[in-house]
C-alpha atoms as a PDB file:
ATOM      1  CA  MET A   1     -54.088  53.615  56.086  1.00  0.00           C
ATOM      2  CA  LYS A   2     -55.474  50.069  55.198  1.00  0.00           C
ATOM      3  CA  MET A   3     -55.455  50.913  51.499  1.00  0.00           C
ATOM      4  CA  LYS A   4     -51.865  51.890  51.730  1.00  0.00           C
ATOM      5  CA  LYS A   5     -50.735  48.726  53.299  1.00  0.00           C
ATOM      6  CA  GLN A   6     -52.680  46.932  50.582  1.00  0.00           C
ATOM      7  CA  MET A   7     -50.852  48.792  48.050  1.00  0.00           C
ATOM      8  CA  ILE A   8     -47.425  48.432  49.401  1.00  0.00           C
ATOM      9  CA  ALA A   9     -48.079  44.490  49.636  1.00  0.00           C
ATOM     10  CA  PHE A  10     -49.241  44.603  46.030  1.00  0.00           C
ATOM     11  CA  LEU A  11     -46.143  46.456  44.951  1.00  0.00           C
ATOM     12  CA  LEU A  12     -43.842  43.996  46.705  1.00  0.00           C
ATOM     13  CA  CYS A  13     -45.617  41.003  45.028  1.00  0.00           C
ATOM     14  CA  VAL A  14     -45.105  42.629  41.740  1.00  0.00           C
ATOM     15  CA  LEU A  15     -41.356  43.157  42.294  1.00  0.00           C
ATOM     16  CA  ILE A  16     -40.775  39.682  43.671  1.00  0.00           C
ATOM     17  CA  LEU A  17     -42.563  38.331  40.536  1.00  0.00           C
ATOM     18  CA  CYS A  18     -40.710  40.483  38.223  1.00  0.00           C
ATOM     19  CA  SER A  19     -37.424  39.220  39.824  1.00  0.00           C
ATOM     20  CA  LEU A  20     -38.295  35.798  39.409  1.00  0.00           C
ATOM     21  CA  LEU A  21     -39.480  36.163  35.798  1.00  0.00           C
ATOM     22  CA  ALA A  22     -36.092  37.957  35.035  1.00  0.00           C
ATOM     23  CA  GLY A  23     -34.138  35.184  36.581  1.00  0.00           C
ATOM     24  CA  CYS A  24     -35.949  32.481  34.427  1.00  0.00           C
ATOM     25  CA  MET A  25     -35.371  34.654  31.386  1.00  0.00           C
ATOM     26  CA  LYS A  26     -31.714  34.905  32.115  1.00  0.00           C
ATOM     27  CA  ASN A  27     -31.256  31.214  32.749  1.00  0.00           C
ATOM     28  CA  GLU A  28     -33.155  30.356  29.610  1.00  0.00           C
ATOM     29  CA  GLU A  29     -30.869  32.545  27.625  1.00  0.00           C
ATOM     30  CA  ALA A  30     -27.667  31.053  29.233  1.00  0.00           C
ATOM     31  CA  VAL A  31     -28.457  27.299  28.387  1.00  0.00           C
ATOM     32  CA  ASN A  32     -29.870  27.279  24.922  1.00  0.00           C
ATOM     33  CA  LEU A  33     -28.500  24.562  22.874  1.00  0.00           C
ATOM     34  CA  ALA A  34     -27.224  25.678  19.514  1.00  0.00           C
ATOM     35  CA  GLU A  35     -28.971  24.093  16.441  1.00  0.00           C
ATOM     36  CA  ASP A  36     -27.395  20.881  15.113  1.00  0.00           C
ATOM     37  CA  ILE A  37     -24.709  21.162  12.317  1.00  0.00           C
ATOM     38  CA  HIS A  38     -24.588  18.539   9.477  1.00  0.00           C
ATOM     39  CA  LEU A  39     -21.207  18.320   7.756  1.00  0.00           C
ATOM     40  CA  GLY A  40     -21.370  18.896   4.024  1.00  0.00           C
ATOM     41  CA  SER A  41     -19.307  17.019   1.548  1.00  0.00           C
ATOM     42  CA  ASP A  42     -16.316  19.056   2.424  1.00  0.00           C
ATOM     43  CA  GLY A  43     -16.659  18.632   6.228  1.00  0.00           C
ATOM     44  CA  ILE A  44     -16.007  22.112   7.019  1.00  0.00           C
ATOM     45  CA  VAL A  45     -17.262  24.054   9.944  1.00  0.00           C
ATOM     46  CA  THR A  46     -16.813  27.825   9.149  1.00  0.00           C
ATOM     47  CA  ALA A  47     -15.040  30.280  11.332  1.00  0.00           C
ATOM     48  CA  GLN A  48     -18.156  32.462  11.503  1.00  0.00           C
ATOM     49  CA  THR A  49     -19.920  29.453  12.800  1.00  0.00           C
ATOM     50  CA  LEU A  50     -17.242  28.722  15.548  1.00  0.00           C
ATOM     51  CA  SER A  51     -17.112  32.364  16.291  1.00  0.00           C
ATOM     52  CA  GLU A  52     -20.967  32.650  16.870  1.00  0.00           C
ATOM     53  CA  LEU A  53     -20.652  29.469  19.021  1.00  0.00           C
ATOM     54  CA  HIS A  54     -17.950  30.660  21.033  1.00  0.00           C
ATOM     55  CA  ARG A  55     -19.742  34.085  21.798  1.00  0.00           C
ATOM     56  CA  SER A  56     -22.739  32.168  22.953  1.00  0.00           C
ATOM     57  CA  GLY A  57     -21.025  29.506  24.999  1.00  0.00           C
ATOM     58  CA  ASN A  58     -23.756  26.996  23.934  1.00  0.00           C
ATOM     59  CA  ILE A  59     -23.220  23.434  22.920  1.00  0.00           C
ATOM     60  CA  VAL A  60     -23.670  22.082  19.571  1.00  0.00           C
ATOM     61  CA  SER A  61     -23.726  18.521  18.026  1.00  0.00           C
ATOM     62  CA  VAL A  62     -21.908  18.360  14.542  1.00  0.00           C
ATOM     63  CA  TYR A  63     -23.031  15.243  12.625  1.00  0.00           C
ATOM     64  CA  GLY A  64     -21.304  13.252   9.772  1.00  0.00           C
ATOM     65  CA  LYS A  65     -21.124  10.134   8.186  1.00  0.00           C
ATOM     66  CA  SER A  66     -18.365   8.019   6.860  1.00  0.00           C
ATOM     67  CA  GLY A  67     -19.613   4.824   4.888  1.00  0.00           C
ATOM     68  CA  ASP A  68     -21.707   2.514   7.157  1.00  0.00           C
ATOM     69  CA  TYR A  69     -20.641   4.765  10.227  1.00  0.00           C
ATOM     70  CA  GLU A  70     -22.511   7.635  11.601  1.00  0.00           C
ATOM     71  CA  TYR A  71     -20.757   9.883  13.890  1.00  0.00           C
ATOM     72  CA  LYS A  72     -21.383  13.062  16.144  1.00  0.00           C
ATOM     73  CA  TRP A  73     -19.021  15.647  17.683  1.00  0.00           C
ATOM     74  CA  THR A  74     -20.174  17.361  20.733  1.00  0.00           C
ATOM     75  CA  VAL A  75     -18.672  20.834  20.901  1.00  0.00           C
ATOM     76  CA  SER A  76     -18.846  23.320  23.791  1.00  0.00           C
ATOM     77  CA  GLY A  77     -18.516  27.079  22.661  1.00  0.00           C
ATOM     78  CA  ALA A  78     -16.552  27.625  25.907  1.00  0.00           C
ATOM     79  CA  ASP A  79     -13.711  25.492  24.840  1.00  0.00           C
ATOM     80  CA  ILE A  80     -13.121  27.221  21.437  1.00  0.00           C
ATOM     81  CA  THR A  81      -9.954  29.128  21.316  1.00  0.00           C
ATOM     82  CA  GLN A  82      -9.217  29.498  17.733  1.00  0.00           C
ATOM     83  CA  GLU A  83     -12.067  30.664  15.131  1.00  0.00           C
ATOM     84  CA  ARG A  84     -11.078  29.491  11.944  1.00  0.00           C
ATOM     85  CA  ASP A  85     -12.407  27.140   9.185  1.00  0.00           C
ATOM     86  CA  ILE A  86     -11.855  23.588  10.297  1.00  0.00           C
ATOM     87  CA  CYS A  87     -12.455  20.179   8.691  1.00  0.00           C
ATOM     88  CA  MET A  88     -14.225  17.878  10.913  1.00  0.00           C
ATOM     89  CA  ALA A  89     -14.980  14.990   8.669  1.00  0.00           C
ATOM     90  CA  LEU A  90     -13.904  11.416   9.446  1.00  0.00           C
ATOM     91  CA  GLU A  91     -12.637   8.382   7.613  1.00  0.00           C
ATOM     92  CA  ILE A  92     -13.877   5.393   9.390  1.00  0.00           C
ATOM     93  CA  SER A  93     -13.480   1.799   8.558  1.00  0.00           C
ATOM     94  CA  ALA A  94     -13.656  -1.720  10.242  1.00  0.00           C
ATOM     95  CA  GLY A  95     -10.313  -3.093  11.554  1.00  0.00           C
ATOM     96  CA  GLU A  96      -9.765  -6.487  12.921  1.00  0.00           C
ATOM     97  CA  ALA A  97     -12.436  -8.187  14.915  1.00  0.00           C
ATOM     98  CA  GLY A  98     -13.644  -5.817  17.638  1.00  0.00           C
ATOM     99  CA  ALA A  99     -11.919  -2.772  16.136  1.00  0.00           C
ATOM    100  CA  VAL A 100     -12.602   0.326  14.189  1.00  0.00           C
ATOM    101  CA  SER A 101     -10.329   2.589  12.739  1.00  0.00           C
ATOM    102  CA  ILE A 102     -10.829   6.488  12.947  1.00  0.00           C
ATOM    103  CA  LYS A 103      -8.991   9.094  10.968  1.00  0.00           C
ATOM    104  CA  LEU A 104      -9.400  12.720  10.732  1.00  0.00           C
ATOM    105  CA  LYS A 105      -9.344  13.960   7.118  1.00  0.00           C
ATOM    106  CA  SER A 106      -7.426  17.040   8.381  1.00  0.00           C
ATOM    107  CA  THR A 107      -4.252  17.272   9.884  1.00  0.00           C
ATOM    108  CA  ARG A 108      -4.865  20.868  11.227  1.00  0.00           C
ATOM    109  CA  ALA A 109      -5.564  20.935  15.101  1.00  0.00           C
ATOM    110  CA  PHE A 110      -9.141  22.059  15.827  1.00  0.00           C
ATOM    111  CA  GLY A 111      -8.112  24.546  18.529  1.00  0.00           C
ATOM    112  CA  PHE A 112     -10.349  22.676  21.096  1.00  0.00           C
ATOM    113  CA  LEU A 113     -10.963  19.052  21.994  1.00  0.00           C
ATOM    114  CA  PRO A 114     -14.530  18.093  21.234  1.00  0.00           C
ATOM    115  CA  THR A 115     -15.857  14.608  22.213  1.00  0.00           C
ATOM    116  CA  LEU A 116     -16.712  12.146  19.412  1.00  0.00           C
ATOM    117  CA  SER A 117     -19.405   9.476  19.260  1.00  0.00           C
ATOM    118  CA  VAL A 118     -19.386   6.813  16.435  1.00  0.00           C
ATOM    119  CA  ALA A 119     -22.482   4.712  16.051  1.00  0.00           C
ATOM    120  CA  LEU A 120     -21.417   1.231  14.894  1.00  0.00           C
ATOM    121  CA  PRO A 121     -23.620  -0.963  12.515  1.00  0.00           C
ATOM    122  CA  GLU A 122     -23.253  -4.048  14.913  1.00  0.00           C
ATOM    123  CA  LYS A 123     -23.431  -4.722  18.647  1.00  0.00           C
ATOM    124  CA  TRP A 124     -20.054  -5.063  20.584  1.00  0.00           C
ATOM    125  CA  GLU A 125     -20.490  -7.597  23.576  1.00  0.00           C
ATOM    126  CA  ALA A 126     -17.499  -6.040  25.252  1.00  0.00           C
ATOM    127  CA  GLN A 127     -18.057  -3.856  28.495  1.00  0.00           C
ATOM    128  CA  SER A 128     -15.221  -1.507  27.652  1.00  0.00           C
ATOM    129  CA  ALA A 129     -12.863  -0.617  24.961  1.00  0.00           C
ATOM    130  CA  GLY A 130      -9.709   1.206  24.437  1.00  0.00           C
ATOM    131  CA  VAL A 131      -8.422   4.140  22.221  1.00  0.00           C
ATOM    132  CA  TYR A 132      -5.187   3.594  20.724  1.00  0.00           C
ATOM    133  CA  ALA A 133      -2.840   5.783  18.781  1.00  0.00           C
ATOM    134  CA  SER A 134      -1.162   4.601  15.499  1.00  0.00           C
ATOM    135  CA  ASP A 135       1.977   3.453  17.343  1.00  0.00           C
ATOM    136  CA  GLY A 136      -0.026   1.370  19.792  1.00  0.00           C
ATOM    137  CA  GLU A 137      -0.125   3.534  22.708  1.00  0.00           C
ATOM    138  CA  ARG A 138      -3.402   3.297  24.784  1.00  0.00           C
ATOM    139  CA  LEU A 139      -4.541   6.786  24.989  1.00  0.00           C
ATOM    140  CA  CYS A 140      -7.789   6.497  26.852  1.00  0.00           C
ATOM    141  CA  GLU A 141     -11.152   4.257  27.527  1.00  0.00           C
ATOM    142  CA  ALA A 142     -13.994   4.628  25.092  1.00  0.00           C
ATOM    143  CA  ALA A 143     -17.261   4.364  26.851  1.00  0.00           C
ATOM    144  CA  LEU A 144     -19.774   1.730  24.985  1.00  0.00           C
ATOM    145  CA  THR A 145     -23.407   2.511  24.942  1.00  0.00           C
ATOM    146  CA  GLY A 146     -26.469   1.564  23.015  1.00  0.00           C
ATOM    147  CA  THR A 147     -29.125  -1.209  22.802  1.00  0.00           C
ATOM    148  CA  ASP A 148     -29.261  -3.062  19.383  1.00  0.00           C
ATOM    149  CA  ASN A 149     -26.039  -1.414  18.071  1.00  0.00           C
ATOM    150  CA  THR A 150     -22.858  -0.086  20.019  1.00  0.00           C
ATOM    151  CA  THR A 151     -21.829   3.751  20.110  1.00  0.00           C
ATOM    152  CA  LEU A 152     -18.305   4.567  21.090  1.00  0.00           C
ATOM    153  CA  THR A 153     -17.577   7.665  22.851  1.00  0.00           C
ATOM    154  CA  PHE A 154     -14.251   9.385  23.808  1.00  0.00           C
ATOM    155  CA  LYS A 155     -12.852  12.912  23.758  1.00  0.00           C
ATOM    156  CA  LEU A 156     -10.412  13.939  21.134  1.00  0.00           C
ATOM    157  CA  ILE A 157      -6.694  13.635  22.201  1.00  0.00           C
ATOM    158  CA  ASP A 158      -4.671  16.975  21.281  1.00  0.00           C
ATOM    159  CA  GLY A 159      -2.345  16.403  18.332  1.00  0.00           C
ATOM    160  CA  VAL A 160      -3.521  12.893  17.552  1.00  0.00           C
ATOM    161  CA  PHE A 161      -5.305  12.626  14.185  1.00  0.00           C
ATOM    162  CA  GLU A 162      -5.547   8.517  13.749  1.00  0.00           C
ATOM    163  CA  TYR A 163      -7.105   6.392  16.326  1.00  0.00           C
ATOM    164  CA  THR A 164      -7.800   2.520  16.560  1.00  0.00           C
ATOM    165  CA  VAL A 165     -10.756   1.812  18.912  1.00  0.00           C
ATOM    166  CA  ARG A 166     -10.596  -1.785  20.157  1.00  0.00           C
ATOM    167  CA  ALA A 167     -12.911  -3.806  22.427  1.00  0.00           C
ATOM    168  CA  ASP A 168     -11.327  -4.939  25.848  1.00  0.00           C
ATOM    169  CA  THR A 169     -11.312  -8.766  26.198  1.00  0.00           C
ATOM    170  CA  ALA A 170      -9.682  -8.884  29.838  1.00  0.00           C
ATOM    171  CA  SER A 171     -12.649  -8.377  31.868  1.00  0.00           C
ATOM    172  CA  PRO A 172     -13.328 -10.615  34.615  1.00  0.00           C
ATOM    173  CA  GLU A 173     -16.551 -12.760  34.306  1.00  0.00           C
ATOM    174  CA  THR A 174     -16.499 -14.978  37.265  1.00  0.00           C
ATOM    175  CA  ALA A 175     -16.155 -14.091  41.065  1.00  0.00           C
ATOM    176  CA  SER A 176     -13.672 -14.905  43.541  1.00  0.00           C
ATOM    177  CA  PRO A 177     -13.903 -18.455  45.054  1.00  0.00           C
ATOM    178  CA  ASP A 178     -15.100 -17.248  48.230  1.00  0.00           C
ATOM    179  CA  VAL A 179     -18.057 -15.718  46.949  1.00  0.00           C
ATOM    180  CA  LYS A 180     -21.523 -17.204  47.633  1.00  0.00           C
ATOM    181  CA  LEU A 181     -23.094 -17.836  44.223  1.00  0.00           C
ATOM    182  CA  SER A 182     -26.668 -18.510  43.296  1.00  0.00           C
ATOM    183  CA  ASP A 183     -27.235 -22.177  42.373  1.00  0.00           C
ATOM    184  CA  GLY A 184     -30.571 -21.194  40.670  1.00  0.00           C
ATOM    185  CA  SER A 185     -32.877 -22.907  43.207  1.00  0.00           C
ATOM    186  CA  ARG A 186     -34.587 -19.712  44.536  1.00  0.00           C
ATOM    187  CA  THR A 187     -37.875 -19.098  42.638  1.00  0.00           C
ATOM    188  CA  GLU A 188     -39.599 -16.585  44.776  1.00  0.00           C
ATOM    189  CA  ARG A 189     -38.722 -12.952  45.617  1.00  0.00           C
ATOM    190  CA  ASP A 190     -36.874 -12.447  49.038  1.00  0.00           C
ATOM    191  CA  LYS A 191     -38.153 -10.458  51.769  1.00  0.00           C
ATOM    192  CA  TYR A 192     -36.621  -7.131  50.204  1.00  0.00           C
ATOM    193  CA  GLY A 193     -38.602  -7.781  46.752  1.00  0.00           C
ATOM    194  CA  THR A 194     -35.294  -9.055  45.069  1.00  0.00           C
ATOM    195  CA  ASP A 195     -35.991 -11.301  42.280  1.00  0.00           C
ATOM    196  CA  PRO A 196     -33.918 -14.759  42.202  1.00  0.00           C
ATOM    197  CA  VAL A 197     -30.400 -14.150  41.386  1.00  0.00           C
ATOM    198  CA  PRO A 198     -29.364 -15.808  38.147  1.00  0.00           C
ATOM    199  CA  GLU A 199     -27.301 -18.959  38.548  1.00  0.00           C
ATOM    200  CA  GLY A 200     -23.479 -18.482  39.043  1.00  0.00           C
ATOM    201  CA  LYS A 201     -24.042 -14.749  40.184  1.00  0.00           C
ATOM    202  CA  PRO A 202     -23.137 -13.463  43.717  1.00  0.00           C
ATOM    203  CA  GLU A 203     -26.067 -13.750  46.216  1.00  0.00           C
ATOM    204  CA  PRO A 204     -26.709 -10.487  48.167  1.00  0.00           C
ATOM    205  CA  VAL A 205     -25.310 -10.048  51.716  1.00  0.00           C
ATOM    206  CA  GLU A 206     -27.109  -7.707  54.149  1.00  0.00           C
ATOM    207  CA  PRO A 207     -25.419  -4.817  55.506  1.00  0.00           C
ATOM    208  CA  GLU A 208     -25.876  -6.033  59.110  1.00  0.00           C
ATOM    209  CA  ASP A 209     -24.629  -9.291  58.555  1.00  0.00           C
ATOM    210  CA  SER A 210     -21.375  -8.205  56.594  1.00  0.00           C
ATOM    211  CA  ASP A 211     -18.191  -7.968  58.763  1.00  0.00           C
ATOM    212  CA  VAL A 212     -15.546  -5.350  57.549  1.00  0.00           C
ATOM    213  CA  ASP A 213     -12.024  -6.516  58.317  1.00  0.00           C
ATOM    214  CA  THR A 214      -9.775  -3.430  58.368  1.00  0.00           C
ATOM    215  CA  GLU A 215      -6.652  -5.522  58.524  1.00  0.00           C
ATOM    216  CA  LYS A 216      -7.425  -7.205  55.259  1.00  0.00           C
ATOM    217  CA  ARG A 217      -6.797  -4.792  52.323  1.00  0.00           C
ATOM    218  CA  LEU A 218      -7.751  -5.690  48.835  1.00  0.00           C
ATOM    219  CA  HIS A 219      -8.115  -3.873  45.387  1.00  0.00           C
ATOM    220  CA  CYS A 220     -10.623  -3.355  42.680  1.00  0.00           C
ATOM    221  CA  THR A 221     -11.097  -1.047  39.791  1.00  0.00           C
ATOM    222  CA  VAL A 222     -14.018   1.575  39.847  1.00  0.00           C
ATOM    223  CA  SER A 223     -15.161   4.184  37.117  1.00  0.00           C
ATOM    224  CA  ILE A 224     -18.091   6.607  36.995  1.00  0.00           C
ATOM    225  CA  ASP A 225     -19.258   7.838  33.750  1.00  0.00           C
ATOM    226  CA  CYS A 226     -22.561   9.790  32.060  1.00  0.00           C
ATOM    227  CA  THR A 227     -21.608   9.344  28.426  1.00  0.00           C
ATOM    228  CA  THR A 228     -25.204   8.361  27.648  1.00  0.00           C
ATOM    229  CA  ILE A 229     -26.010  11.915  28.173  1.00  0.00           C
ATOM    230  CA  LEU A 230     -23.933  13.028  25.239  1.00  0.00           C
ATOM    231  CA  ASN A 231     -26.271  11.172  23.004  1.00  0.00           C
ATOM    232  CA  ASN A 232     -29.446  12.445  24.482  1.00  0.00           C
ATOM    233  CA  ILE A 233     -28.421  15.976  25.411  1.00  0.00           C
ATOM    234  CA  GLU A 234     -31.531  17.510  24.129  1.00  0.00           C
ATOM    235  CA  ASN A 235     -33.357  15.846  27.050  1.00  0.00           C
ATOM    236  CA  LEU A 236     -30.948  17.083  29.669  1.00  0.00           C
ATOM    237  CA  ASP A 237     -32.449  19.659  32.269  1.00  0.00           C
ATOM    238  CA  PRO A 238     -30.660  22.886  30.800  1.00  0.00           C
ATOM    239  CA  ALA A 239     -29.554  23.758  34.409  1.00  0.00           C
ATOM    240  CA  LYS A 240     -27.246  20.618  34.443  1.00  0.00           C
ATOM    241  CA  LEU A 241     -25.242  21.684  31.317  1.00  0.00           C
ATOM    242  CA  ASP A 242     -22.639  23.392  33.553  1.00  0.00           C
ATOM    243  CA  VAL A 243     -21.912  20.094  35.321  1.00  0.00           C
ATOM    244  CA  LEU A 244     -21.773  17.892  32.505  1.00  0.00           C
ATOM    245  CA  PRO A 245     -18.307  16.537  31.614  1.00  0.00           C
ATOM    246  CA  ARG A 246     -17.319  17.373  28.085  1.00  0.00           C
ATOM    247  CA  ASP A 247     -16.490  13.643  27.500  1.00  0.00           C
ATOM    248  CA  GLY A 248     -19.026  12.146  30.057  1.00  0.00           C
ATOM    249  CA  ILE A 249     -16.307  10.890  32.233  1.00  0.00           C
ATOM    250  CA  ILE A 250     -16.686  11.817  36.008  1.00  0.00           C
ATOM    251  CA  LEU A 251     -14.053   9.280  37.224  1.00  0.00           C
ATOM    252  CA  GLY A 252     -11.862   7.164  34.701  1.00  0.00           C
ATOM    253  CA  ALA A 253     -10.987   3.521  35.566  1.00  0.00           C
ATOM    254  CA  VAL A 254      -8.858   3.563  38.529  1.00  0.00           C
ATOM    255  CA  THR A 255      -7.499   0.852  40.965  1.00  0.00           C
ATOM    256  CA  VAL A 256      -8.477   1.589  44.569  1.00  0.00           C
ATOM    257  CA  GLU A 257      -8.136  -0.179  47.970  1.00  0.00           C
ATOM    258  CA  PHE A 258     -10.825  -1.408  50.092  1.00  0.00           C
ATOM    259  CA  TYR A 259     -11.325  -3.601  53.201  1.00  0.00           C
ATOM    260  CA  GLU A 260     -12.536  -7.092  53.075  1.00  0.00           C
ATOM    261  CA  GLY A 261     -16.414  -7.208  53.717  1.00  0.00           C
ATOM    262  CA  GLU A 262     -17.256  -3.678  52.443  1.00  0.00           C
ATOM    263  CA  SER A 263     -19.834  -3.121  49.987  1.00  0.00           C
ATOM    264  CA  VAL A 264     -20.100  -1.338  46.647  1.00  0.00           C
ATOM    265  CA  PHE A 265     -21.901   1.520  48.239  1.00  0.00           C
ATOM    266  CA  ASP A 266     -18.823   1.865  50.919  1.00  0.00           C
ATOM    267  CA  LEU A 267     -16.435   2.003  48.305  1.00  0.00           C
ATOM    268  CA  LEU A 268     -18.376   4.631  46.202  1.00  0.00           C
ATOM    269  CA  GLN A 269     -18.812   6.820  49.334  1.00  0.00           C
ATOM    270  CA  ARG A 270     -15.027   6.781  49.926  1.00  0.00           C
ATOM    271  CA  VAL A 271     -13.919   7.282  46.239  1.00  0.00           C
ATOM    272  CA  CYS A 272     -16.289  10.347  45.913  1.00  0.00           C
ATOM    273  CA  ARG A 273     -15.114  11.691  49.327  1.00  0.00           C
ATOM    274  CA  GLU A 274     -11.443  11.399  48.517  1.00  0.00           C
ATOM    275  CA  ARG A 275     -11.788  12.648  45.141  1.00  0.00           C
ATOM    276  CA  GLY A 276     -14.274  15.652  45.958  1.00  0.00           C
ATOM    277  CA  ILE A 277     -17.029  14.104  43.623  1.00  0.00           C
ATOM    278  CA  HIS A 278     -20.502  15.101  44.754  1.00  0.00           C
ATOM    279  CA  LEU A 279     -22.468  12.229  46.034  1.00  0.00           C
ATOM    280  CA  GLU A 280     -26.168  12.071  47.328  1.00  0.00           C
ATOM    281  CA  ALA A 281     -27.880   8.791  48.424  1.00  0.00           C
ATOM    282  CA  SER A 282     -30.543   7.715  50.784  1.00  0.00           C
ATOM    283  CA  PHE A 283     -31.254   4.437  52.706  1.00  0.00           C
ATOM    284  CA  THR A 284     -34.447   2.683  51.660  1.00  0.00           C
ATOM    285  CA  PRO A 285     -35.292   0.313  54.356  1.00  0.00           C
ATOM    286  CA  GLY A 286     -37.954  -1.492  51.874  1.00  0.00           C
ATOM    287  CA  TYR A 287     -34.906  -2.719  49.724  1.00  0.00           C
ATOM    288  CA  ASN A 288     -32.315  -2.817  52.854  1.00  0.00           C
ATOM    289  CA  SER A 289     -29.855  -0.691  50.745  1.00  0.00           C
ATOM    290  CA  ALA A 290     -28.620   2.612  49.915  1.00  0.00           C
ATOM    291  CA  TYR A 291     -30.170   4.196  46.760  1.00  0.00           C
ATOM    292  CA  VAL A 292     -27.915   6.604  44.659  1.00  0.00           C
ATOM    293  CA  GLU A 293     -29.810   9.698  43.717  1.00  0.00           C
ATOM    294  CA  GLY A 294     -27.014  11.893  42.291  1.00  0.00           C
ATOM    295  CA  ILE A 295     -23.478  11.911  41.523  1.00  0.00           C
ATOM    296  CA  HIS A 296     -21.493  14.917  40.326  1.00  0.00           C
ATOM    297  CA  ASN A 297     -24.756  16.939  40.800  1.00  0.00           C
ATOM    298  CA  LEU A 298     -26.418  14.565  37.795  1.00  0.00           C
ATOM    299  CA  TYR A 299     -29.537  13.131  39.358  1.00  0.00           C
ATOM    300  CA  GLU A 300     -32.132  10.766  38.302  1.00  0.00           C
ATOM    301  CA  PHE A 301     -34.696  12.118  35.835  1.00  0.00           C
ATOM    302  CA  ASP A 302     -32.052  14.907  35.040  1.00  0.00           C
ATOM    303  CA  CYS A 303     -31.882  13.541  31.529  1.00  0.00           C
ATOM    304  CA  GLY A 304     -35.493  12.147  30.962  1.00  0.00           C
ATOM    305  CA  GLU A 305     -38.008  10.085  32.752  1.00  0.00           C
ATOM    306  CA  THR A 306     -36.046   6.881  32.631  1.00  0.00           C
ATOM    307  CA  SER A 307     -32.701   8.356  33.473  1.00  0.00           C
ATOM    308  CA  GLY A 308     -30.760   7.552  36.519  1.00  0.00           C
ATOM    309  CA  TRP A 309     -27.476   5.799  38.121  1.00  0.00           C
ATOM    310  CA  MET A 310     -26.816   2.049  37.710  1.00  0.00           C
ATOM    311  CA  TYR A 311     -24.038   0.100  38.876  1.00  0.00           C
ATOM    312  CA  SER A 312     -22.307  -3.137  37.379  1.00  0.00           C
ATOM    313  CA  VAL A 313     -19.755  -5.546  38.823  1.00  0.00           C
ATOM    314  CA  ASN A 314     -17.471  -7.610  36.324  1.00  0.00           C
ATOM    315  CA  GLY A 315     -20.064  -6.682  33.718  1.00  0.00           C
ATOM    316  CA  TRP A 316     -23.189  -7.898  35.456  1.00  0.00           C
ATOM    317  CA  PHE A 317     -25.888  -5.317  36.722  1.00  0.00           C
ATOM    318  CA  PRO A 318     -27.047  -6.911  39.947  1.00  0.00           C
ATOM    319  CA  ASN A 319     -30.709  -6.992  40.496  1.00  0.00           C
ATOM    320  CA  TYR A 320     -30.269  -5.836  44.225  1.00  0.00           C
ATOM    321  CA  GLY A 321     -29.125  -2.549  45.752  1.00  0.00           C
ATOM    322  CA  CYS A 322     -25.343  -1.548  46.043  1.00  0.00           C
ATOM    323  CA  SER A 323     -25.406  -1.832  50.004  1.00  0.00           C
ATOM    324  CA  ARG A 324     -25.914  -5.627  49.675  1.00  0.00           C
ATOM    325  CA  TYR A 325     -23.207  -6.285  47.022  1.00  0.00           C
ATOM    326  CA  VAL A 326     -19.985  -7.330  49.123  1.00  0.00           C
ATOM    327  CA  LEU A 327     -16.649  -6.711  46.966  1.00  0.00           C
ATOM    328  CA  HIS A 328     -14.192  -9.115  46.300  1.00  0.00           C
ATOM    329  CA  ASP A 329     -10.435  -8.709  45.271  1.00  0.00           C
ATOM    330  CA  GLY A 330     -10.151  -7.984  41.609  1.00  0.00           C
ATOM    331  CA  ASP A 331     -13.703  -6.664  41.041  1.00  0.00           C
ATOM    332  CA  VAL A 332     -14.459  -4.140  38.313  1.00  0.00           C
ATOM    333  CA  VAL A 333     -17.113  -1.748  39.293  1.00  0.00           C
ATOM    334  CA  ARG A 334     -18.638   0.708  37.120  1.00  0.00           C
ATOM    335  CA  TRP A 335     -21.206   3.422  37.830  1.00  0.00           C
ATOM    336  CA  ARG A 336     -23.249   4.619  34.837  1.00  0.00           C
ATOM    337  CA  TYR A 337     -25.826   7.107  33.998  1.00  0.00           C
ATOM    338  CA  THR A 338     -28.805   5.618  32.005  1.00  0.00           C
ATOM    339  CA  CYS A 339     -31.191   7.669  30.026  1.00  0.00           C
ATOM    340  CA  ASP A 340     -33.105   4.259  29.008  1.00  0.00           C
ATOM    341  CA  LEU A 341     -33.795   2.293  32.277  1.00  0.00           C
ATOM    342  CA  GLY A 342     -30.297   0.625  31.715  1.00  0.00           C
ATOM    343  CA  ALA A 343     -30.884  -0.584  28.122  1.00  0.00           C
ATOM    344  CA  ASP A 344     -28.354   1.871  26.782  1.00  0.00           C
ATOM    345  CA  VAL A 345     -25.616   0.698  28.984  1.00  0.00           C
ATOM    346  CA  GLY A 346     -26.269  -3.028  28.904  1.00  0.00           C
ATOM    347  CA  GLY A 347     -28.228  -3.203  31.870  1.00  0.00           C
ATOM    348  CA  GLY A 348     -31.746  -3.452  30.718  1.00  0.00           C
ATOM    349  CA  MET A 349     -34.314  -5.909  31.350  1.00  0.00           C
ATOM    350  CA  GLN A 350     -33.558  -9.236  29.720  1.00  0.00           C
END
């Protein structure tokens, strides 16, 4: 009887192990990345290649070069609706200061809308850029990433074959008059381990000291993106491919209302709740602030050991937590996923 029980237990263990292994094998097959494609002189991606990609549902990077500009298309097999030979070559040239002209060599629609990343030979100091059609209409925003050089990333717009990407210049650089700014006199860390705030930047306000006035409604701009992952997709946890936005934009820049005295974290919580965006955060007493672990089911370390979420306000990445930054009218708040401790989004150590 004892041996029979042991045998049953052994068989159950074997069945459980087999189920786990089968699940792992199935997951591994489902999230494989397709091999990179490098465009030849004709810039053609064949119908056979697109057909294989469509059947697999994988994601592929298609690389090309135009003069001094290198570019990459990010294509998802799930988005492909037409399987035919297409030309994905680009003509890229420098426009006026802080602008790049991009033209598709083919005027035949792809049949899907991939994401385009263009590596510039120089560094743009701007915080954002607009994508414009040939008639001057602003189509969308291009994300700016990179350290020594800037990479522009945006999603192809249906029916548009010529684009101009131009750096935005109207970005607020100074805080509202009623903000308490650092005078640069503090040289030691505060009790929460915060390094001295650079001169001219807002000092932190402790959550317990902030008074929220629901009678005073102000406005700011907020956006959330993870475009850096598109340029580091080989490091992304395969299980997260399904939640990765094709263009890396989780929330495009929108103007929202907030109450006087609210923090950046208060705003993030409400924006995510109202728009159904997943958010996970925890309060860290040692820093007296919330720490954002994940947005849109993308978490710290999901795309490498130096990846996670950072925020900036008016182009500055504060050196203290988002619960300690009190918003002011007209602020521009950006939540960005970094794959390189902030260096790829402009928030690295100076």
